[in-house]
Amino acid sequence: MASLAKVAAALAAVVALVALACTPPTGCTPGAVRACQGPAACPGTQVCPAGGSAFGPCGCGVTLDGSVTIHDAVDWANFLDGGYTAITGDLVVLAPGLATLSPPATALGTIGGRLAVDGNSSLASLEFPALTSVGQLSVTSASQIRLVSCPALIHGSVAVERNAALTSLELPALETALRLSVLGNPGLTGLAFPALRHAWLTLDDDAAAASLALPRLETVERLDVVRLAALTSLRLPALVSGPVTVDRATALVSLELPLLASAGSGLTVSNAPALLRLALPALASGSVSLAGNAALTAVSLPLLTATGALQVGDNPALATLEVPALRTAEGLVSLSASSALTRLDLPALISASALSVGDDTALTAVSAPALRTLSGGLVVGSNAALTTLTLPALRTVGFLVVTDNAALRQCVADGLLLQLAPPPTASFSGNTGMPDTCP
């Protein structure tokens, strides 16, 4: 009897576990919407009732095969009467007299094609509380729209562009976007995508956006932050890989990418005249271009070992440039018009396509003691204070140009040519440092 009691108890425990696994999680925020879960899951959604005890049953609704165009309020009402929770094609909204677009909380969870509001002159708000997936959300040139809200949207491309009155864009659940473009919306004062992990992301000419939050963004196909004139700081704490461009962010003071290890085709930071802090402590590979950052005083790339190209130019306050680990560059390594820098040290560099140093008026020394090969050329020109050119291991150069370095002795250039085999095409002039004798 004792053994039978144990078996019965074990069976009861198993039944309880199975029941627990099949029961929706208890406790939810009243009014919250989520994609269907559990054995009855479908493309629809579940809504948390007023009591907040548990999510309700799946609203599986009806799938509409094809596309729909809404011309007026009657079309919209007829569409809602269909109770659709999924459309395989597009939902295009023309409806010049429609002021709001907001289906019920249980309606329309999936749109296979586009949800498009393009050129509408009357719509003030677009709210799709149950939408979890869309081919593309497109809201463009809608002159009166102030609110775009899809709080449950997880996947889909998004284009929100040239909406003069838009003040709020709410996509709190969006995790992945093949393309996400927010462009030319002058009323947006902040941009936040708290759940976004992966995207091709373009943020351009949103002039009033003073904040940009991407706390979970890990990888990008591209990230372009362009002409965000009010943005003062940008920190991407989770980003580990992908090309990044920050351009014409004229108020930007601080840019931090603490985990970025690979910049792929390139990291570009340009025309940010207020930039004081640039933090790239983990960057190990990828092209780097830093240009036109008038206030930037220091750049440190402690882990950068391989690059497509390293180009640093027109940063007049730059006094420190540290690249201690850089070994190879498939393209150009260039320093130009950085009038505060006194030394260029490349202690680990072994090979590059080309090395160019020009118009650096305070530069006194260039040192690359391990450099052996420049498959393209070496160009050193118009560096008025340059006295030292230390390249003892260099043996192969495509061409050699050393010109107009007023403090550099010509014998330094001559000695460099003698150590190269075979001798490259060379051009020397204007190297008038004295005395013109070398050890």
Protein backbone atom coordinates (compact mmCIF):
# COMPACT_ATOMS: atom_id res chain seq x y z
CA MET A 1 0.00 0.00 0.00
CA ALA A 2 2.86 2.36 0.83
CA SER A 3 4.38 1.85 -2.63
CA LEU A 4 0.99 2.54 -4.27
CA ALA A 5 0.71 5.75 -2.27
CA LYS A 6 4.14 6.86 -3.47
CA VAL A 7 3.22 6.12 -7.09
CA ALA A 8 -0.02 8.08 -6.71
CA ALA A 9 1.86 11.01 -5.21
CA ALA A 10 4.40 10.96 -8.04
CA LEU A 11 1.63 10.89 -10.64
CA ALA A 12 -0.07 13.81 -8.96
CA ALA A 13 3.16 15.79 -9.04
CA VAL A 14 3.60 15.06 -12.76
CA VAL A 15 0.01 16.13 -13.46
CA ALA A 16 0.58 19.35 -11.53
CA LEU A 17 3.75 20.10 -13.50
CA VAL A 18 2.03 19.45 -16.82
CA ALA A 19 -0.86 21.68 -15.80
CA LEU A 20 1.58 24.40 -14.78
CA ALA A 21 3.41 24.16 -18.11
CA CYS A 22 0.15 24.46 -20.04
CA THR A 23 -1.22 27.37 -18.01
CA PRO A 24 -0.44 30.89 -19.20
CA PRO A 25 1.75 32.86 -16.78
CA THR A 26 -0.30 34.57 -14.11
CA GLY A 27 -0.09 38.23 -13.37
CA CYS A 28 0.01 40.82 -16.13
CA THR A 29 -0.49 44.52 -16.66
CA PRO A 30 -4.10 45.34 -17.53
CA GLY A 31 -4.40 46.31 -21.17
CA ALA A 32 -1.02 44.77 -22.13
CA VAL A 33 -0.88 42.89 -25.43
CA ARG A 34 1.44 40.05 -26.43
CA ALA A 35 1.80 37.56 -29.24
CA CYS A 36 -0.11 34.33 -28.62
CA GLN A 37 1.66 31.72 -26.50
CA GLY A 38 0.88 28.18 -25.39
CA PRO A 39 -0.92 25.23 -27.06
CA ALA A 40 -3.58 27.49 -28.63
CA ALA A 41 -1.00 29.87 -30.15
CA CYS A 42 -1.80 31.42 -33.52
CA PRO A 43 -0.70 34.56 -35.39
CA GLY A 44 -3.02 36.59 -33.17
CA THR A 45 -2.56 38.19 -29.77
CA GLN A 46 -3.57 37.90 -26.11
CA VAL A 47 -4.83 40.84 -24.04
CA CYS A 48 -4.53 41.23 -20.28
CA PRO A 49 -7.98 41.99 -18.78
CA ALA A 50 -8.80 44.67 -16.22
CA GLY A 51 -8.14 42.39 -13.25
CA GLY A 52 -4.60 41.62 -14.41
CA SER A 53 -4.86 37.98 -13.29
CA ALA A 54 -3.62 36.40 -16.54
CA PHE A 55 -3.52 36.99 -20.28
CA GLY A 56 -6.78 36.12 -22.00
CA PRO A 57 -7.31 33.60 -24.79
CA CYS A 58 -5.67 33.97 -28.17
CA GLY A 59 -7.59 36.20 -30.53
CA CYS A 60 -6.82 34.18 -33.63
CA GLY A 61 -9.23 36.00 -35.88
CA VAL A 62 -9.13 35.76 -39.65
CA THR A 63 -6.35 36.02 -42.21
CA LEU A 64 -6.94 38.17 -45.28
CA ASP A 65 -5.13 36.91 -48.36
CA GLY A 66 -4.06 39.85 -50.50
CA SER A 67 -3.81 43.61 -50.05
CA VAL A 68 -6.20 46.36 -48.98
CA THR A 69 -6.30 50.07 -49.79
CA ILE A 70 -8.21 52.36 -47.45
CA HIS A 71 -9.66 55.32 -49.37
CA ASP A 72 -11.94 56.77 -46.69
CA ALA A 73 -13.54 56.20 -43.28
CA VAL A 74 -16.08 53.79 -44.75
CA ASP A 75 -13.32 51.55 -46.11
CA TRP A 76 -11.64 51.58 -42.71
CA ALA A 77 -14.87 50.67 -40.89
CA ASN A 78 -15.55 47.82 -43.33
CA PHE A 79 -12.02 46.55 -42.85
CA LEU A 80 -12.39 46.54 -39.05
CA ASP A 81 -15.72 44.70 -39.36
CA GLY A 82 -13.83 41.83 -40.98
CA GLY A 83 -12.05 41.09 -37.67
CA TYR A 84 -8.75 40.46 -39.45
CA THR A 85 -5.71 39.67 -37.37
CA ALA A 86 -3.40 39.01 -40.31
CA ILE A 87 -2.95 40.26 -43.88
CA THR A 88 -0.67 38.50 -46.32
CA GLY A 89 -0.20 41.59 -48.51
CA ASP A 90 -0.21 45.38 -47.99
CA LEU A 91 -2.42 47.71 -46.01
CA VAL A 92 -2.23 51.07 -47.79
CA VAL A 93 -3.95 54.07 -46.23
CA LEU A 94 -4.86 56.97 -48.50
CA ALA A 95 -8.05 58.27 -46.81
CA PRO A 96 -7.47 62.04 -46.97
CA GLY A 97 -10.25 62.74 -44.46
CA LEU A 98 -9.24 60.19 -41.81
CA ALA A 99 -7.74 61.73 -38.64
CA THR A 100 -6.88 58.62 -36.63
CA LEU A 101 -5.93 55.07 -37.48
CA SER A 102 -6.24 52.73 -34.53
CA PRO A 103 -7.63 49.19 -34.75
CA PRO A 104 -8.85 47.42 -31.57
CA ALA A 105 -6.28 45.98 -29.19
CA THR A 106 -7.01 42.43 -30.37
CA ALA A 107 -6.89 43.17 -34.10
CA LEU A 108 -4.21 42.91 -36.76
CA GLY A 109 -1.13 41.21 -35.39
CA THR A 110 0.63 40.50 -38.70
CA ILE A 111 1.01 42.33 -42.00
CA GLY A 112 3.04 40.37 -44.53
CA GLY A 113 3.64 43.36 -46.80
CA ARG A 114 3.58 47.10 -46.11
CA LEU A 115 1.60 49.21 -43.70
CA ALA A 116 1.86 52.40 -45.71
CA VAL A 117 0.75 55.95 -44.95
CA ASP A 118 2.44 58.08 -47.60
CA GLY A 119 1.56 61.69 -48.39
CA ASN A 120 -1.54 61.76 -46.16
CA SER A 121 -2.46 65.34 -45.19
CA SER A 122 -5.08 64.69 -42.49
CA LEU A 123 -3.99 61.73 -40.37
CA ALA A 124 -2.86 62.83 -36.89
CA SER A 125 -2.11 59.47 -35.26
CA LEU A 126 -1.36 55.89 -36.19
CA GLU A 127 -1.66 53.35 -33.39
CA PHE A 128 -1.55 49.60 -33.96
CA PRO A 129 -1.41 48.09 -30.45
CA ALA A 130 -1.44 44.41 -31.49
CA LEU A 131 0.89 44.51 -34.49
CA THR A 132 3.87 42.22 -33.85
CA SER A 133 5.26 41.71 -37.37
CA VAL A 134 5.21 43.75 -40.58
CA GLY A 135 7.04 43.61 -43.87
CA GLN A 136 7.50 47.38 -43.75
CA LEU A 137 5.98 50.18 -41.74
CA SER A 138 6.13 53.24 -43.98
CA VAL A 139 4.98 56.65 -42.78
CA THR A 140 6.29 59.35 -45.09
CA SER A 141 5.38 62.94 -45.88
CA ALA A 142 2.28 62.78 -43.67
CA SER A 143 2.11 66.47 -42.84
CA GLN A 144 -0.24 66.33 -39.82
CA ILE A 145 0.79 63.10 -38.12
CA ARG A 146 2.01 63.56 -34.55
CA LEU A 147 2.05 60.03 -33.17
CA VAL A 148 3.21 56.70 -34.60
CA SER A 149 2.83 53.89 -32.06
CA CYS A 150 3.27 50.14 -32.49
CA PRO A 151 4.02 49.00 -28.93
CA ALA A 152 4.02 45.24 -29.71
CA LEU A 153 5.98 45.34 -32.98
CA ILE A 154 8.95 42.96 -32.80
CA HIS A 155 10.08 42.45 -36.41
CA GLY A 156 9.85 44.52 -39.56
CA SER A 157 11.43 47.25 -41.64
CA VAL A 158 10.48 50.80 -40.71
CA ALA A 159 10.62 54.04 -42.71
CA VAL A 160 9.42 57.16 -40.89
CA GLU A 161 10.50 60.04 -43.08
CA ARG A 162 9.72 63.71 -43.70
CA ASN A 163 6.79 64.09 -41.29
CA ALA A 164 6.83 67.74 -40.30
CA ALA A 165 4.51 67.51 -37.26
CA LEU A 166 5.66 64.17 -35.82
CA THR A 167 6.59 64.44 -32.13
CA SER A 168 6.37 60.83 -30.91
CA LEU A 169 7.63 57.56 -32.41
CA GLU A 170 6.95 54.57 -30.16
CA LEU A 171 8.46 51.19 -31.05
CA PRO A 172 9.44 49.86 -27.61
CA ALA A 173 9.40 46.14 -28.52
CA LEU A 174 11.19 46.28 -31.89
CA GLU A 175 14.07 43.78 -31.83
CA THR A 176 15.16 43.38 -35.46
CA ALA A 177 14.74 45.57 -38.52
CA LEU A 178 16.05 44.80 -41.98
CA ARG A 179 15.99 48.58 -42.47
CA LEU A 180 15.07 51.25 -39.94
CA SER A 181 15.08 54.77 -41.33
CA VAL A 182 14.04 57.83 -39.32
CA LEU A 183 14.75 60.83 -41.50
CA GLY A 184 13.73 64.46 -41.73
CA ASN A 185 11.28 64.62 -38.81
CA PRO A 186 12.04 68.04 -37.26
CA GLY A 187 9.63 67.68 -34.32
CA LEU A 188 11.14 64.52 -32.79
CA THR A 189 12.99 65.56 -29.64
CA GLY A 190 14.23 62.09 -28.76
CA LEU A 191 14.75 58.69 -30.34
CA ALA A 192 14.56 55.47 -28.31
CA PHE A 193 14.57 51.86 -29.43
CA PRO A 194 15.00 50.03 -26.11
CA ALA A 195 14.66 46.46 -27.43
CA LEU A 196 16.49 46.77 -30.76
CA ARG A 197 19.28 44.21 -31.19
CA HIS A 198 20.03 44.14 -34.91
CA ALA A 199 19.26 46.53 -37.77
CA TRP A 200 20.37 48.54 -40.73
CA LEU A 201 19.74 51.88 -39.06
CA THR A 202 19.65 55.36 -40.59
CA LEU A 203 18.94 58.39 -38.41
CA ASP A 204 19.27 61.51 -40.51
CA ASP A 205 18.22 65.15 -40.24
CA ASP A 206 16.03 64.78 -37.16
CA ALA A 207 17.22 68.19 -36.05
CA ALA A 208 15.54 68.40 -32.63
CA ALA A 209 16.49 64.91 -31.41
CA ALA A 210 18.60 65.64 -28.33
CA SER A 211 18.79 62.00 -27.20
CA LEU A 212 19.30 58.63 -28.86
CA ALA A 213 18.88 55.45 -26.81
CA LEU A 214 19.91 52.07 -28.21
CA PRO A 215 20.80 50.19 -25.02
CA ARG A 216 20.56 46.64 -26.44
CA LEU A 217 21.84 47.15 -29.98
CA GLU A 218 24.48 44.45 -30.55
CA THR A 219 25.12 44.27 -34.30
CA VAL A 220 24.35 46.46 -37.29
CA GLU A 221 24.44 46.03 -41.03
CA ARG A 222 25.07 49.78 -40.95
CA LEU A 223 24.47 52.55 -38.46
CA ASP A 224 24.34 56.08 -39.83
CA VAL A 225 23.81 58.96 -37.42
CA VAL A 226 23.78 62.06 -39.60
CA ARG A 227 22.75 65.67 -39.08
CA LEU A 228 21.33 65.20 -35.58
CA ALA A 229 22.10 68.78 -34.68
CA ALA A 230 20.77 68.66 -31.08
CA LEU A 231 22.44 65.40 -30.03
CA THR A 232 25.09 66.02 -27.36
CA SER A 233 26.11 62.50 -26.35
CA LEU A 234 25.88 59.01 -27.79
CA ARG A 235 26.70 55.79 -25.98
CA LEU A 236 26.07 52.36 -27.48
CA PRO A 237 26.83 50.06 -24.54
CA ALA A 238 26.10 46.71 -26.24
CA LEU A 239 27.29 47.25 -29.83
CA VAL A 240 30.03 44.75 -30.75
CA SER A 241 30.21 44.80 -34.55
CA GLY A 242 29.21 46.65 -37.67
CA PRO A 243 30.07 49.79 -39.63
CA VAL A 244 29.20 53.08 -37.93
CA THR A 245 29.05 56.62 -39.33
CA VAL A 246 28.55 59.70 -37.19
CA ASP A 247 28.55 62.80 -39.37
CA ARG A 248 27.55 66.43 -38.90
CA ALA A 249 26.36 65.93 -35.34
CA THR A 250 27.34 69.49 -34.61
CA ALA A 251 26.51 69.52 -30.87
CA LEU A 252 27.96 66.09 -30.07
CA VAL A 253 30.43 66.22 -27.18
CA SER A 254 30.87 62.55 -26.30
CA LEU A 255 30.82 59.33 -28.34
CA GLU A 256 31.36 56.03 -26.53
CA LEU A 257 31.41 52.57 -28.11
CA PRO A 258 32.86 50.51 -25.24
CA LEU A 259 32.35 47.01 -26.74
CA LEU A 260 32.78 47.68 -30.46
CA ALA A 261 35.39 45.15 -31.59
CA SER A 262 34.90 45.11 -35.36
CA ALA A 263 33.83 48.06 -37.48
CA GLY A 264 33.57 46.00 -40.66
CA SER A 265 33.76 48.32 -43.64
CA GLY A 266 34.40 51.29 -41.44
CA LEU A 267 33.98 53.61 -38.49
CA THR A 268 33.63 57.23 -39.58
CA VAL A 269 33.41 60.17 -37.20
CA SER A 270 33.38 63.41 -39.13
CA ASN A 271 32.36 67.05 -38.94
CA ALA A 272 31.58 66.95 -35.22
CA PRO A 273 33.13 70.28 -34.19
CA ALA A 274 32.18 70.01 -30.49
CA LEU A 275 33.43 66.44 -29.96
CA LEU A 276 35.74 66.17 -26.94
CA ARG A 277 35.54 62.48 -26.02
CA LEU A 278 35.86 59.49 -28.33
CA ALA A 279 36.03 56.13 -26.57
CA LEU A 280 36.89 53.02 -28.61
CA PRO A 281 38.67 50.79 -26.09
CA ALA A 282 37.77 47.43 -27.70
CA LEU A 283 38.12 48.19 -31.42
CA ALA A 284 40.37 45.54 -32.97
CA SER A 285 39.56 45.61 -36.69
CA GLY A 286 37.92 47.70 -39.36
CA SER A 287 38.64 50.89 -41.25
CA VAL A 288 38.72 54.13 -39.26
CA SER A 289 38.19 57.65 -40.56
CA LEU A 290 38.32 60.67 -38.25
CA ALA A 291 37.98 64.03 -39.98
CA GLY A 292 36.81 67.55 -39.31
CA ASN A 293 36.47 67.25 -35.52
CA ALA A 294 37.79 70.64 -34.46
CA ALA A 295 37.77 70.17 -30.67
CA LEU A 296 39.03 66.57 -30.46
CA THR A 297 42.35 66.46 -28.60
CA ALA A 298 43.09 62.74 -28.18
CA VAL A 299 42.41 59.46 -29.95
CA SER A 300 43.41 56.10 -28.51
CA LEU A 301 42.90 52.80 -30.34
CA PRO A 302 44.74 50.43 -27.98
CA LEU A 303 43.56 47.13 -29.52
CA LEU A 304 43.40 48.01 -33.22
CA THR A 305 45.57 45.42 -34.98
CA ALA A 306 44.18 45.31 -38.54
CA THR A 307 42.45 47.94 -40.61
CA GLY A 308 41.21 48.48 -44.11
CA ALA A 309 42.37 52.08 -43.81
CA LEU A 310 43.25 54.53 -41.05
CA GLN A 311 42.64 58.12 -42.05
CA VAL A 312 43.00 60.99 -39.59
CA GLY A 313 42.66 64.46 -41.03
CA ASP A 314 41.61 68.02 -40.33
CA ASN A 315 41.48 67.65 -36.56
CA PRO A 316 43.37 70.82 -35.59
CA ALA A 317 43.34 70.26 -31.80
CA LEU A 318 44.47 66.62 -31.95
CA ALA A 319 47.59 66.36 -29.79
CA THR A 320 47.60 62.61 -29.09
CA LEU A 321 47.13 59.71 -31.49
CA GLU A 322 47.81 56.24 -30.11
CA VAL A 323 47.70 53.08 -32.24
CA PRO A 324 50.23 50.87 -30.45
CA ALA A 325 48.99 47.49 -31.76
CA LEU A 326 48.30 48.24 -35.44
CA ARG A 327 50.14 45.66 -37.59
CA THR A 328 48.50 45.66 -41.01
CA ALA A 329 46.48 48.04 -43.18
CA GLU A 330 44.99 46.82 -46.42
CA GLY A 331 44.56 50.41 -47.54
CA LEU A 332 45.94 53.84 -46.71
CA VAL A 333 47.33 55.04 -43.41
CA SER A 334 47.03 58.80 -43.53
CA LEU A 335 47.63 61.75 -41.22
CA SER A 336 46.86 65.24 -42.50
CA ALA A 337 46.05 68.75 -41.31
CA SER A 338 46.31 67.86 -37.62
CA SER A 339 48.24 70.94 -36.62
CA ALA A 340 48.63 70.17 -32.89
CA LEU A 341 50.17 66.70 -33.25
CA THR A 342 53.95 66.57 -32.76
CA ARG A 343 54.62 62.84 -33.27
CA LEU A 344 53.23 59.96 -35.30
CA ASP A 345 54.25 56.62 -33.80
CA LEU A 346 53.27 53.33 -35.43
CA PRO A 347 55.41 50.92 -33.39
CA ALA A 348 53.84 47.63 -34.57
CA LEU A 349 52.96 48.44 -38.19
CA ILE A 350 54.47 45.88 -40.60
CA SER A 351 52.66 46.51 -43.88
CA ALA A 352 50.19 48.87 -45.51
CA SER A 353 49.06 49.82 -48.96
CA ALA A 354 50.35 53.36 -48.50
CA LEU A 355 51.47 55.83 -45.86
CA SER A 356 50.75 59.53 -46.28
CA VAL A 357 51.74 62.30 -43.88
CA GLY A 358 50.97 65.85 -44.98
CA ASP A 359 50.17 69.39 -43.86
CA ASP A 360 50.85 68.65 -40.20
CA THR A 361 52.55 71.89 -39.21
CA ALA A 362 53.69 70.89 -35.69
CA LEU A 363 54.78 67.34 -36.54
CA THR A 364 58.45 66.77 -35.76
CA ALA A 365 58.80 62.98 -36.00
CA VAL A 366 57.36 59.99 -37.88
CA SER A 367 58.34 56.58 -36.57
CA ALA A 368 57.39 53.13 -37.85
CA PRO A 369 60.34 50.94 -36.84
CA ALA A 370 58.79 47.61 -37.93
CA LEU A 371 57.34 48.76 -41.26
CA ARG A 372 58.65 46.59 -44.13
CA THR A 373 56.29 46.99 -47.05
CA LEU A 374 54.19 49.71 -48.65
CA SER A 375 52.69 48.15 -51.76
CA GLY A 376 51.57 51.55 -52.94
CA GLY A 377 53.56 54.58 -51.93
CA LEU A 378 55.07 56.69 -49.19
CA VAL A 379 54.19 60.39 -49.32
CA VAL A 380 55.62 62.86 -46.81
CA GLY A 381 54.86 66.44 -47.72
CA SER A 382 54.42 69.95 -46.37
CA ASN A 383 55.26 69.20 -42.75
CA ALA A 384 57.12 72.36 -41.81
CA ALA A 385 58.56 71.16 -38.47
CA LEU A 386 59.42 67.56 -39.45
CA THR A 387 63.02 66.64 -38.66
CA THR A 388 62.94 62.88 -38.10
CA LEU A 389 61.74 60.10 -40.38
CA THR A 390 62.43 56.72 -38.75
CA LEU A 391 61.68 53.75 -41.03
CA PRO A 392 64.69 51.43 -40.55
CA ALA A 393 62.99 48.18 -41.69
CA LEU A 394 61.36 49.55 -44.83
CA ARG A 395 62.47 47.67 -47.94
CA THR A 396 59.61 47.73 -50.46
CA VAL A 397 57.76 50.83 -51.68
CA GLY A 398 55.74 51.36 -54.86
CA PHE A 399 56.74 55.03 -55.11
CA LEU A 400 58.38 57.59 -52.84
CA VAL A 401 57.53 61.29 -52.51
CA VAL A 402 59.24 63.50 -49.89
CA THR A 403 58.61 67.18 -50.59
CA ASP A 404 58.36 70.59 -48.95
CA ASN A 405 59.36 69.59 -45.45
CA ALA A 406 61.31 72.71 -44.59
CA ALA A 407 63.09 71.37 -41.49
CA LEU A 408 63.91 67.91 -42.93
CA ARG A 409 67.42 67.34 -44.26
CA GLN A 410 67.52 66.06 -47.83
CA CYS A 411 70.03 63.41 -46.82
CA VAL A 412 67.29 61.73 -44.75
CA ALA A 413 65.21 61.22 -47.89
CA ASP A 414 68.29 60.12 -49.84
CA GLY A 415 69.19 57.56 -47.20
CA LEU A 416 65.64 56.18 -47.24
CA LEU A 417 65.83 55.66 -51.00
CA LEU A 418 69.09 53.75 -50.67
CA GLN A 419 67.58 51.14 -48.36
CA LEU A 420 64.80 50.25 -50.81
CA ALA A 421 65.11 47.42 -53.32
CA PRO A 422 64.36 47.67 -56.10
CA PRO A 423 64.58 51.46 -56.07
CA PRO A 424 61.11 52.98 -56.62
CA THR A 425 60.18 56.04 -58.61
CA ALA A 426 61.09 58.93 -56.31
CA SER A 427 60.37 62.65 -56.07
CA PHE A 428 62.32 64.90 -53.69
CA SER A 429 62.19 68.68 -53.32
CA GLY A 430 61.94 71.40 -50.72
CA ASN A 431 63.55 69.44 -47.90
CA THR A 432 65.85 72.21 -46.74
CA GLY A 433 66.79 71.31 -43.18
CA MET A 434 70.37 72.12 -42.20
CA PRO A 435 73.01 70.97 -41.88
CA ASP A 436 72.41 68.60 -44.78
CA THR A 437 74.60 65.85 -43.41
CA CYS A 438 73.52 62.51 -41.99
CA PRO A 439 75.46 59.92 -39.98
